[in-house]
Amino acid sequence: MKSVNAMELEIGLYDWSKLPCRGCGSAEHVPGELLRMARAQTPEEAVPRDIEFHVIQDSWATETAVPVARVLMAALADPRVTSAARHHCLDLLSSFVVVDDDDIAEACKDAARSGIWTLYEEVLSGRAPGTALLAYWVLYEVETVPARLERLLEAARHLLPDDLRMD
C-alpha cells in the first residue's frame, strides 16, 4: 500500500475539477502544482507558476484559495519540505489571509489557525529569516491571543529581520 503524506491526504478531500480557476475551466491542475512546489529543492523550482493568476491575482482570489490554504498548511507540517518550498508556501498563504473578499480571507485564516503551532515553529526554528518573517505575518493576521504574539516577539526577535516594524 502506497504511503500518503498529510498534504496528499488534504488534497484528496476536494473535487478540484469543480473548483473555480481564473485561467482555466477548473482548478483540476492545482493539486499537481501544489505537489510540485512542495517537492521543490531550489527557490526557482518552488515558484508557484499555476496558482497566481489562477487562484489569486493581486488581492483578489477565487474560493479555491481556501482548500489551497489548507493544503499549504499540510505541506508546512511536513519536515521534508525544503526551506525554499516552505518560503513559497508561506508567501502564498500570507496573500490568502488578506484578500479583498472577507469570507475567503476568514476561511483562509481559519485554515492557518488549524495549524498555528506549525507557524510558530517556523518562526522559532531559525531556518530562514525571510521565511520566519512570512510565518510571523500570517500569525499577525490569524492569532487570536495577542499576548502569545507579543511573547513570540520577545522570544524570537533575533530570528526576524531587524527592520520589522509593528506600526
N, C-alpha and C. Protein backbone atom coordinates (compact mmCIF):
# COMPACT_ATOMS: atom_id res chain seq x y z
N MET A 1 0.85 -1.18 0.00
CA MET A 1 0.00 0.00 0.00
C MET A 1 0.89 1.24 0.00
N LYS A 2 0.58 2.17 -0.88
CA LYS A 2 1.36 3.40 -1.01
C LYS A 2 1.11 4.31 0.19
N SER A 3 2.19 4.86 0.73
CA SER A 3 2.01 5.79 1.85
C SER A 3 1.59 7.16 1.31
N VAL A 4 0.81 7.85 2.10
CA VAL A 4 0.30 9.17 1.73
C VAL A 4 0.73 10.15 2.82
N ASN A 5 1.23 11.31 2.41
CA ASN A 5 1.57 12.31 3.42
C ASN A 5 0.36 13.20 3.70
N ALA A 6 0.50 14.10 4.67
CA ALA A 6 -0.62 14.94 5.09
C ALA A 6 -1.11 15.84 3.95
N MET A 7 -0.20 16.30 3.13
CA MET A 7 -0.57 17.16 2.01
C MET A 7 -1.44 16.40 1.01
N GLU A 8 -1.02 15.19 0.66
CA GLU A 8 -1.80 14.37 -0.27
C GLU A 8 -3.15 14.00 0.33
N LEU A 9 -3.17 13.76 1.62
CA LEU A 9 -4.42 13.47 2.32
C LEU A 9 -5.39 14.64 2.18
N GLU A 10 -4.88 15.84 2.41
CA GLU A 10 -5.72 17.04 2.30
C GLU A 10 -6.16 17.28 0.86
N ILE A 11 -5.28 17.11 -0.08
CA ILE A 11 -5.62 17.28 -1.50
C ILE A 11 -6.79 16.36 -1.88
N GLY A 12 -6.76 15.15 -1.37
CA GLY A 12 -7.79 14.17 -1.70
C GLY A 12 -9.18 14.48 -1.17
N LEU A 13 -9.29 15.47 -0.32
CA LEU A 13 -10.61 15.84 0.24
C LEU A 13 -11.47 16.65 -0.72
N TYR A 14 -10.89 17.16 -1.78
CA TYR A 14 -11.59 18.12 -2.65
C TYR A 14 -11.74 17.59 -4.06
N ASP A 15 -12.86 17.96 -4.67
CA ASP A 15 -13.06 17.68 -6.09
C ASP A 15 -12.57 18.92 -6.83
N TRP A 16 -11.31 18.94 -7.16
CA TRP A 16 -10.67 20.10 -7.76
C TRP A 16 -11.27 20.45 -9.12
N SER A 17 -11.85 19.49 -9.79
CA SER A 17 -12.45 19.75 -11.11
C SER A 17 -13.70 20.62 -10.98
N LYS A 18 -14.25 20.70 -9.78
CA LYS A 18 -15.45 21.53 -9.57
C LYS A 18 -15.13 22.88 -8.93
N LEU A 19 -13.87 23.12 -8.64
CA LEU A 19 -13.46 24.39 -8.04
C LEU A 19 -13.06 25.36 -9.14
N PRO A 20 -13.34 26.66 -8.94
CA PRO A 20 -13.05 27.63 -10.00
C PRO A 20 -11.58 27.98 -10.14
N CYS A 21 -11.23 28.30 -11.36
CA CYS A 21 -9.89 28.77 -11.71
C CYS A 21 -10.06 29.94 -12.66
N ARG A 22 -9.35 31.01 -12.40
CA ARG A 22 -9.46 32.18 -13.27
C ARG A 22 -8.89 31.92 -14.65
N GLY A 23 -7.86 31.12 -14.75
CA GLY A 23 -7.18 30.94 -16.02
C GLY A 23 -7.60 29.72 -16.81
N CYS A 24 -8.38 28.82 -16.19
CA CYS A 24 -8.74 27.56 -16.83
C CYS A 24 -10.21 27.25 -16.54
N GLY A 25 -10.68 26.17 -17.08
CA GLY A 25 -12.06 25.78 -16.83
C GLY A 25 -12.32 25.34 -15.41
N SER A 26 -11.28 24.78 -14.77
CA SER A 26 -11.42 24.33 -13.39
C SER A 26 -10.04 24.36 -12.73
N ALA A 27 -10.03 24.10 -11.43
CA ALA A 27 -8.79 24.07 -10.67
C ALA A 27 -8.17 22.68 -10.63
N GLU A 28 -8.53 21.84 -11.58
CA GLU A 28 -8.06 20.46 -11.61
C GLU A 28 -6.53 20.35 -11.64
N HIS A 29 -5.86 21.35 -12.17
CA HIS A 29 -4.40 21.35 -12.27
C HIS A 29 -3.71 21.79 -10.98
N VAL A 30 -4.45 22.38 -10.06
CA VAL A 30 -3.87 22.98 -8.86
C VAL A 30 -3.19 21.95 -7.95
N PRO A 31 -3.76 20.77 -7.69
CA PRO A 31 -3.06 19.82 -6.82
C PRO A 31 -1.66 19.45 -7.33
N GLY A 32 -1.53 19.24 -8.62
CA GLY A 32 -0.22 18.92 -9.19
C GLY A 32 0.76 20.06 -8.98
N GLU A 33 0.28 21.27 -9.11
CA GLU A 33 1.13 22.44 -8.89
C GLU A 33 1.57 22.54 -7.44
N LEU A 34 0.66 22.28 -6.52
CA LEU A 34 0.99 22.33 -5.09
C LEU A 34 2.00 21.23 -4.72
N LEU A 35 1.81 20.05 -5.26
CA LEU A 35 2.76 18.96 -5.01
C LEU A 35 4.13 19.29 -5.60
N ARG A 36 4.14 19.85 -6.80
CA ARG A 36 5.40 20.24 -7.43
C ARG A 36 6.14 21.25 -6.56
N MET A 37 5.41 22.24 -6.08
CA MET A 37 6.02 23.26 -5.21
C MET A 37 6.60 22.64 -3.95
N ALA A 38 5.81 21.78 -3.30
CA ALA A 38 6.23 21.20 -2.03
C ALA A 38 7.44 20.27 -2.18
N ARG A 39 7.60 19.69 -3.35
CA ARG A 39 8.72 18.77 -3.60
C ARG A 39 9.96 19.48 -4.13
N ALA A 40 9.86 20.77 -4.36
CA ALA A 40 10.96 21.55 -4.95
C ALA A 40 12.17 21.55 -4.03
N GLN A 41 13.33 21.55 -4.63
CA GLN A 41 14.58 21.57 -3.89
C GLN A 41 15.25 22.95 -3.92
N THR A 42 14.89 23.78 -4.90
CA THR A 42 15.51 25.10 -5.02
C THR A 42 14.43 26.17 -5.04
N PRO A 43 14.81 27.41 -4.74
CA PRO A 43 13.82 28.50 -4.80
C PRO A 43 13.17 28.64 -6.18
N GLU A 44 13.95 28.44 -7.23
CA GLU A 44 13.42 28.57 -8.58
C GLU A 44 12.37 27.49 -8.87
N GLU A 45 12.64 26.28 -8.41
CA GLU A 45 11.69 25.18 -8.62
C GLU A 45 10.40 25.38 -7.82
N ALA A 46 10.49 26.09 -6.70
CA ALA A 46 9.35 26.24 -5.79
C ALA A 46 8.41 27.38 -6.17
N VAL A 47 8.77 28.16 -7.16
CA VAL A 47 7.91 29.30 -7.56
C VAL A 47 6.55 28.77 -8.00
N PRO A 48 5.47 29.33 -7.45
CA PRO A 48 4.12 28.88 -7.85
C PRO A 48 3.75 29.42 -9.23
N ARG A 49 3.77 28.56 -10.22
CA ARG A 49 3.52 29.00 -11.60
C ARG A 49 2.03 29.04 -11.95
N ASP A 50 1.29 28.07 -11.47
CA ASP A 50 -0.12 27.98 -11.86
C ASP A 50 -1.08 28.24 -10.69
N ILE A 51 -0.64 29.07 -9.75
CA ILE A 51 -1.51 29.50 -8.65
C ILE A 51 -1.84 30.97 -8.85
N GLU A 52 -0.79 31.77 -9.02
CA GLU A 52 -1.01 33.18 -9.30
C GLU A 52 -1.66 33.31 -10.68
N PHE A 53 -2.64 34.17 -10.76
CA PHE A 53 -3.47 34.39 -11.94
C PHE A 53 -4.45 33.24 -12.20
N HIS A 54 -4.42 32.22 -11.37
CA HIS A 54 -5.39 31.13 -11.45
C HIS A 54 -6.28 31.12 -10.21
N VAL A 55 -5.63 31.16 -9.03
CA VAL A 55 -6.35 31.14 -7.75
C VAL A 55 -6.37 32.52 -7.13
N ILE A 56 -5.30 33.27 -7.31
CA ILE A 56 -5.19 34.61 -6.73
C ILE A 56 -4.51 35.54 -7.73
N GLN A 57 -4.97 36.78 -7.75
CA GLN A 57 -4.33 37.83 -8.54
C GLN A 57 -4.44 39.11 -7.74
N ASP A 58 -3.27 39.67 -7.42
CA ASP A 58 -3.20 40.83 -6.54
C ASP A 58 -3.90 40.48 -5.23
N SER A 59 -4.98 41.16 -4.88
CA SER A 59 -5.68 40.86 -3.63
C SER A 59 -7.05 40.23 -3.89
N TRP A 60 -7.24 39.72 -5.09
CA TRP A 60 -8.50 39.07 -5.45
C TRP A 60 -8.25 37.57 -5.57
N ALA A 61 -9.13 36.77 -4.97
CA ALA A 61 -8.95 35.32 -5.02
C ALA A 61 -10.26 34.62 -5.32
N THR A 62 -10.16 33.44 -5.90
CA THR A 62 -11.34 32.60 -6.08
C THR A 62 -11.54 31.79 -4.79
N GLU A 63 -12.67 31.14 -4.67
CA GLU A 63 -12.94 30.30 -3.50
C GLU A 63 -11.97 29.12 -3.41
N THR A 64 -11.26 28.84 -4.47
CA THR A 64 -10.26 27.77 -4.48
C THR A 64 -9.12 28.08 -3.51
N ALA A 65 -8.95 29.34 -3.15
CA ALA A 65 -7.90 29.72 -2.20
C ALA A 65 -8.05 29.00 -0.87
N VAL A 66 -9.27 28.70 -0.47
CA VAL A 66 -9.50 28.07 0.84
C VAL A 66 -8.91 26.65 0.88
N PRO A 67 -9.27 25.76 -0.04
CA PRO A 67 -8.61 24.45 0.02
C PRO A 67 -7.10 24.54 -0.24
N VAL A 68 -6.68 25.48 -1.05
CA VAL A 68 -5.24 25.65 -1.27
C VAL A 68 -4.56 26.03 0.05
N ALA A 69 -5.16 26.93 0.80
CA ALA A 69 -4.59 27.32 2.10
C ALA A 69 -4.48 26.12 3.03
N ARG A 70 -5.49 25.26 3.02
CA ARG A 70 -5.45 24.06 3.86
C ARG A 70 -4.33 23.11 3.42
N VAL A 71 -4.16 22.98 2.12
CA VAL A 71 -3.09 22.13 1.60
C VAL A 71 -1.72 22.73 1.93
N LEU A 72 -1.59 24.03 1.85
CA LEU A 72 -0.33 24.69 2.20
C LEU A 72 0.03 24.43 3.66
N MET A 73 -0.96 24.49 4.54
CA MET A 73 -0.71 24.22 5.95
C MET A 73 -0.27 22.77 6.15
N ALA A 74 -0.88 21.86 5.41
CA ALA A 74 -0.46 20.45 5.49
C ALA A 74 0.98 20.30 4.99
N ALA A 75 1.35 21.01 3.95
CA ALA A 75 2.73 20.96 3.44
C ALA A 75 3.70 21.48 4.49
N LEU A 76 3.34 22.55 5.16
CA LEU A 76 4.23 23.14 6.17
C LEU A 76 4.43 22.21 7.37
N ALA A 77 3.51 21.30 7.60
CA ALA A 77 3.63 20.35 8.70
C ALA A 77 4.62 19.22 8.38
N ASP A 78 5.03 19.12 7.13
CA ASP A 78 5.93 18.05 6.70
C ASP A 78 7.38 18.52 6.81
N PRO A 79 8.17 17.92 7.70
CA PRO A 79 9.56 18.36 7.86
C PRO A 79 10.43 18.10 6.63
N ARG A 80 9.96 17.28 5.70
CA ARG A 80 10.74 17.01 4.49
C ARG A 80 10.63 18.12 3.46
N VAL A 81 9.68 19.03 3.63
CA VAL A 81 9.52 20.14 2.70
C VAL A 81 10.69 21.10 2.91
N THR A 82 11.38 21.41 1.82
CA THR A 82 12.58 22.23 1.90
C THR A 82 12.28 23.65 2.33
N SER A 83 13.31 24.32 2.76
CA SER A 83 13.19 25.72 3.16
C SER A 83 12.68 26.58 1.99
N ALA A 84 13.16 26.31 0.80
CA ALA A 84 12.72 27.06 -0.38
C ALA A 84 11.23 26.87 -0.62
N ALA A 85 10.76 25.65 -0.53
CA ALA A 85 9.35 25.36 -0.74
C ALA A 85 8.51 25.96 0.38
N ARG A 86 9.00 25.90 1.62
CA ARG A 86 8.28 26.47 2.76
C ARG A 86 8.08 27.97 2.55
N HIS A 87 9.13 28.61 2.06
CA HIS A 87 9.07 30.05 1.82
C HIS A 87 7.93 30.40 0.85
N HIS A 88 7.87 29.67 -0.26
CA HIS A 88 6.83 29.96 -1.25
C HIS A 88 5.44 29.59 -0.75
N CYS A 89 5.34 28.52 0.02
CA CYS A 89 4.04 28.15 0.62
C CYS A 89 3.56 29.26 1.55
N LEU A 90 4.46 29.77 2.38
CA LEU A 90 4.08 30.84 3.31
C LEU A 90 3.81 32.15 2.59
N ASP A 91 4.52 32.40 1.51
CA ASP A 91 4.26 33.61 0.72
C ASP A 91 2.84 33.58 0.16
N LEU A 92 2.43 32.44 -0.38
CA LEU A 92 1.05 32.31 -0.87
C LEU A 92 0.05 32.44 0.27
N LEU A 93 0.30 31.73 1.35
CA LEU A 93 -0.62 31.77 2.49
C LEU A 93 -0.77 33.18 3.03
N SER A 94 0.32 33.93 3.08
CA SER A 94 0.25 35.31 3.59
C SER A 94 -0.60 36.19 2.67
N SER A 95 -0.65 35.86 1.40
CA SER A 95 -1.52 36.59 0.47
C SER A 95 -2.98 36.22 0.66
N PHE A 96 -3.23 34.93 0.90
CA PHE A 96 -4.61 34.44 1.03
C PHE A 96 -5.32 35.01 2.25
N VAL A 97 -4.60 35.23 3.35
CA VAL A 97 -5.27 35.68 4.57
C VAL A 97 -5.62 37.15 4.55
N VAL A 98 -5.23 37.87 3.50
CA VAL A 98 -5.55 39.30 3.40
C VAL A 98 -6.25 39.66 2.09
N VAL A 99 -6.85 38.69 1.41
CA VAL A 99 -7.53 39.00 0.16
C VAL A 99 -8.73 39.92 0.42
N ASP A 100 -9.21 40.56 -0.64
CA ASP A 100 -10.30 41.53 -0.51
C ASP A 100 -11.63 40.90 -0.12
N ASP A 101 -11.87 39.67 -0.48
CA ASP A 101 -13.12 39.00 -0.12
C ASP A 101 -13.02 38.54 1.33
N ASP A 102 -13.80 39.18 2.21
CA ASP A 102 -13.71 38.89 3.65
C ASP A 102 -14.01 37.44 3.98
N ASP A 103 -14.96 36.82 3.29
CA ASP A 103 -15.30 35.42 3.58
C ASP A 103 -14.15 34.49 3.22
N ILE A 104 -13.53 34.71 2.07
CA ILE A 104 -12.40 33.89 1.66
C ILE A 104 -11.22 34.12 2.60
N ALA A 105 -10.94 35.39 2.92
CA ALA A 105 -9.83 35.70 3.83
C ALA A 105 -10.04 35.03 5.18
N GLU A 106 -11.24 35.09 5.71
CA GLU A 106 -11.51 34.49 7.02
C GLU A 106 -11.39 32.97 6.98
N ALA A 107 -11.86 32.36 5.91
CA ALA A 107 -11.73 30.91 5.78
C ALA A 107 -10.25 30.52 5.66
N CYS A 108 -9.45 31.32 4.97
CA CYS A 108 -8.01 31.05 4.88
C CYS A 108 -7.33 31.26 6.24
N LYS A 109 -7.79 32.25 6.98
CA LYS A 109 -7.27 32.45 8.35
C LYS A 109 -7.60 31.25 9.22
N ASP A 110 -8.81 30.72 9.07
CA ASP A 110 -9.19 29.52 9.83
C ASP A 110 -8.28 28.35 9.48
N ALA A 111 -7.95 28.22 8.20
CA ALA A 111 -7.03 27.15 7.77
C ALA A 111 -5.68 27.33 8.45
N ALA A 112 -5.18 28.55 8.49
CA ALA A 112 -3.89 28.82 9.14
C ALA A 112 -3.98 28.55 10.65
N ARG A 113 -5.09 28.95 11.25
CA ARG A 113 -5.25 28.71 12.70
C ARG A 113 -5.25 27.22 13.03
N SER A 114 -5.74 26.40 12.10
CA SER A 114 -5.79 24.96 12.37
C SER A 114 -4.39 24.35 12.54
N GLY A 115 -3.39 25.03 12.03
CA GLY A 115 -2.01 24.57 12.17
C GLY A 115 -1.12 25.65 12.75
N ILE A 116 -1.67 26.42 13.66
CA ILE A 116 -0.97 27.60 14.16
C ILE A 116 0.40 27.28 14.77
N TRP A 117 0.52 26.11 15.41
CA TRP A 117 1.81 25.78 16.03
C TRP A 117 2.88 25.51 14.98
N THR A 118 2.48 25.10 13.80
CA THR A 118 3.43 24.94 12.70
C THR A 118 4.00 26.30 12.33
N LEU A 119 3.15 27.33 12.35
CA LEU A 119 3.61 28.69 12.04
C LEU A 119 4.56 29.20 13.11
N TYR A 120 4.21 28.95 14.37
CA TYR A 120 5.11 29.36 15.45
C TYR A 120 6.45 28.65 15.32
N GLU A 121 6.41 27.36 15.03
CA GLU A 121 7.64 26.58 14.89
C GLU A 121 8.50 27.13 13.74
N GLU A 122 7.85 27.57 12.68
CA GLU A 122 8.60 28.13 11.54
C GLU A 122 9.37 29.36 11.98
N VAL A 123 8.75 30.22 12.76
CA VAL A 123 9.46 31.41 13.26
C VAL A 123 10.58 31.00 14.21
N LEU A 124 10.27 30.13 15.13
CA LEU A 124 11.22 29.75 16.19
C LEU A 124 12.36 28.86 15.70
N SER A 125 12.20 28.25 14.53
CA SER A 125 13.21 27.30 14.04
C SER A 125 14.54 27.96 13.69
N GLY A 126 14.50 29.21 13.28
CA GLY A 126 15.72 29.88 12.87
C GLY A 126 16.25 29.42 11.53
N ARG A 127 15.46 28.65 10.77
CA ARG A 127 15.92 28.12 9.48
C ARG A 127 16.21 29.21 8.46
N ALA A 128 15.30 30.16 8.34
CA ALA A 128 15.46 31.19 7.31
C ALA A 128 14.71 32.45 7.74
N PRO A 129 15.41 33.58 7.92
CA PRO A 129 14.75 34.81 8.37
C PRO A 129 13.60 35.27 7.48
N GLY A 130 13.75 35.16 6.17
CA GLY A 130 12.67 35.59 5.27
C GLY A 130 11.43 34.74 5.43
N THR A 131 11.63 33.45 5.59
CA THR A 131 10.52 32.53 5.79
C THR A 131 9.89 32.74 7.16
N ALA A 132 10.73 32.97 8.17
CA ALA A 132 10.23 33.27 9.51
C ALA A 132 9.37 34.53 9.48
N LEU A 133 9.79 35.51 8.72
CA LEU A 133 9.01 36.75 8.63
C LEU A 133 7.65 36.49 8.00
N LEU A 134 7.60 35.69 6.94
CA LEU A 134 6.32 35.36 6.33
C LEU A 134 5.41 34.63 7.32
N ALA A 135 5.97 33.69 8.07
CA ALA A 135 5.20 32.97 9.09
C ALA A 135 4.71 33.94 10.15
N TYR A 136 5.56 34.89 10.53
CA TYR A 136 5.17 35.89 11.52
C TYR A 136 3.99 36.73 11.01
N TRP A 137 4.04 37.15 9.74
CA TRP A 137 2.95 37.98 9.21
C TRP A 137 1.64 37.20 9.13
N VAL A 138 1.72 35.92 8.83
CA VAL A 138 0.50 35.10 8.86
C VAL A 138 -0.02 35.05 10.30
N LEU A 139 0.87 34.80 11.25
CA LEU A 139 0.47 34.78 12.66
C LEU A 139 -0.14 36.11 13.08
N TYR A 140 0.44 37.19 12.62
CA TYR A 140 -0.06 38.53 12.94
C TYR A 140 -1.52 38.69 12.50
N GLU A 141 -1.86 38.08 11.38
CA GLU A 141 -3.22 38.15 10.85
C GLU A 141 -4.18 37.18 11.52
N VAL A 142 -3.68 36.04 12.01
CA VAL A 142 -4.60 34.99 12.46
C VAL A 142 -4.63 34.75 13.96
N GLU A 143 -3.62 35.16 14.67
CA GLU A 143 -3.55 34.88 16.11
C GLU A 143 -4.69 35.59 16.85
N THR A 144 -5.37 34.85 17.70
CA THR A 144 -6.49 35.40 18.47
C THR A 144 -6.09 35.72 19.91
N VAL A 145 -4.86 35.39 20.28
CA VAL A 145 -4.35 35.69 21.62
C VAL A 145 -3.17 36.66 21.46
N PRO A 146 -3.42 37.96 21.53
CA PRO A 146 -2.34 38.94 21.31
C PRO A 146 -1.13 38.73 22.21
N ALA A 147 -1.34 38.29 23.43
CA ALA A 147 -0.22 38.08 24.35
C ALA A 147 0.74 37.01 23.82
N ARG A 148 0.22 36.02 23.12
CA ARG A 148 1.08 34.97 22.56
C ARG A 148 1.99 35.54 21.47
N LEU A 149 1.42 36.40 20.64
CA LEU A 149 2.21 37.04 19.59
C LEU A 149 3.28 37.96 20.20
N GLU A 150 2.92 38.68 21.24
CA GLU A 150 3.89 39.54 21.94
C GLU A 150 5.01 38.69 22.53
N ARG A 151 4.66 37.57 23.11
CA ARG A 151 5.65 36.67 23.68
C ARG A 151 6.57 36.11 22.60
N LEU A 152 6.00 35.81 21.45
CA LEU A 152 6.81 35.35 20.32
C LEU A 152 7.85 36.39 19.95
N LEU A 153 7.44 37.63 19.87
CA LEU A 153 8.40 38.69 19.53
C LEU A 153 9.49 38.80 20.59
N GLU A 154 9.13 38.65 21.85
CA GLU A 154 10.14 38.69 22.92
C GLU A 154 11.14 37.55 22.76
N ALA A 155 10.63 36.37 22.47
CA ALA A 155 11.47 35.18 22.41
C ALA A 155 12.24 35.04 21.11
N ALA A 156 11.69 35.54 20.02
CA ALA A 156 12.27 35.26 18.71
C ALA A 156 12.63 36.52 17.92
N ARG A 157 12.70 37.64 18.56
CA ARG A 157 13.01 38.88 17.84
C ARG A 157 14.31 38.75 17.06
N HIS A 158 15.29 38.04 17.62
CA HIS A 158 16.60 37.88 16.99
C HIS A 158 16.54 36.99 15.73
N LEU A 159 15.42 36.29 15.55
CA LEU A 159 15.26 35.42 14.37
C LEU A 159 14.53 36.11 13.23
N LEU A 160 14.08 37.32 13.48
CA LEU A 160 13.33 38.08 12.48
C LEU A 160 14.18 39.24 11.97
N PRO A 161 13.90 39.72 10.78
CA PRO A 161 14.70 40.83 10.24
C PRO A 161 14.69 42.04 11.17
N ASP A 162 15.81 42.73 11.21
CA ASP A 162 15.97 43.89 12.09
C ASP A 162 14.98 45.01 11.78
N ASP A 163 14.58 45.12 10.53
CA ASP A 163 13.72 46.23 10.14
C ASP A 163 12.22 45.95 10.33
N LEU A 164 11.88 44.89 11.04
CA LEU A 164 10.47 44.59 11.32
C LEU A 164 9.90 45.69 12.18
N ARG A 165 8.86 46.31 11.71
CA ARG A 165 8.17 47.38 12.44
C ARG A 165 6.72 46.99 12.64
N MET A 166 6.20 47.26 13.80
CA MET A 166 4.84 46.87 14.12
C MET A 166 3.81 47.99 13.97
N ASP A 167 4.23 49.19 13.55
CA ASP A 167 3.26 50.29 13.44
C ASP A 167 2.62 50.38 12.13
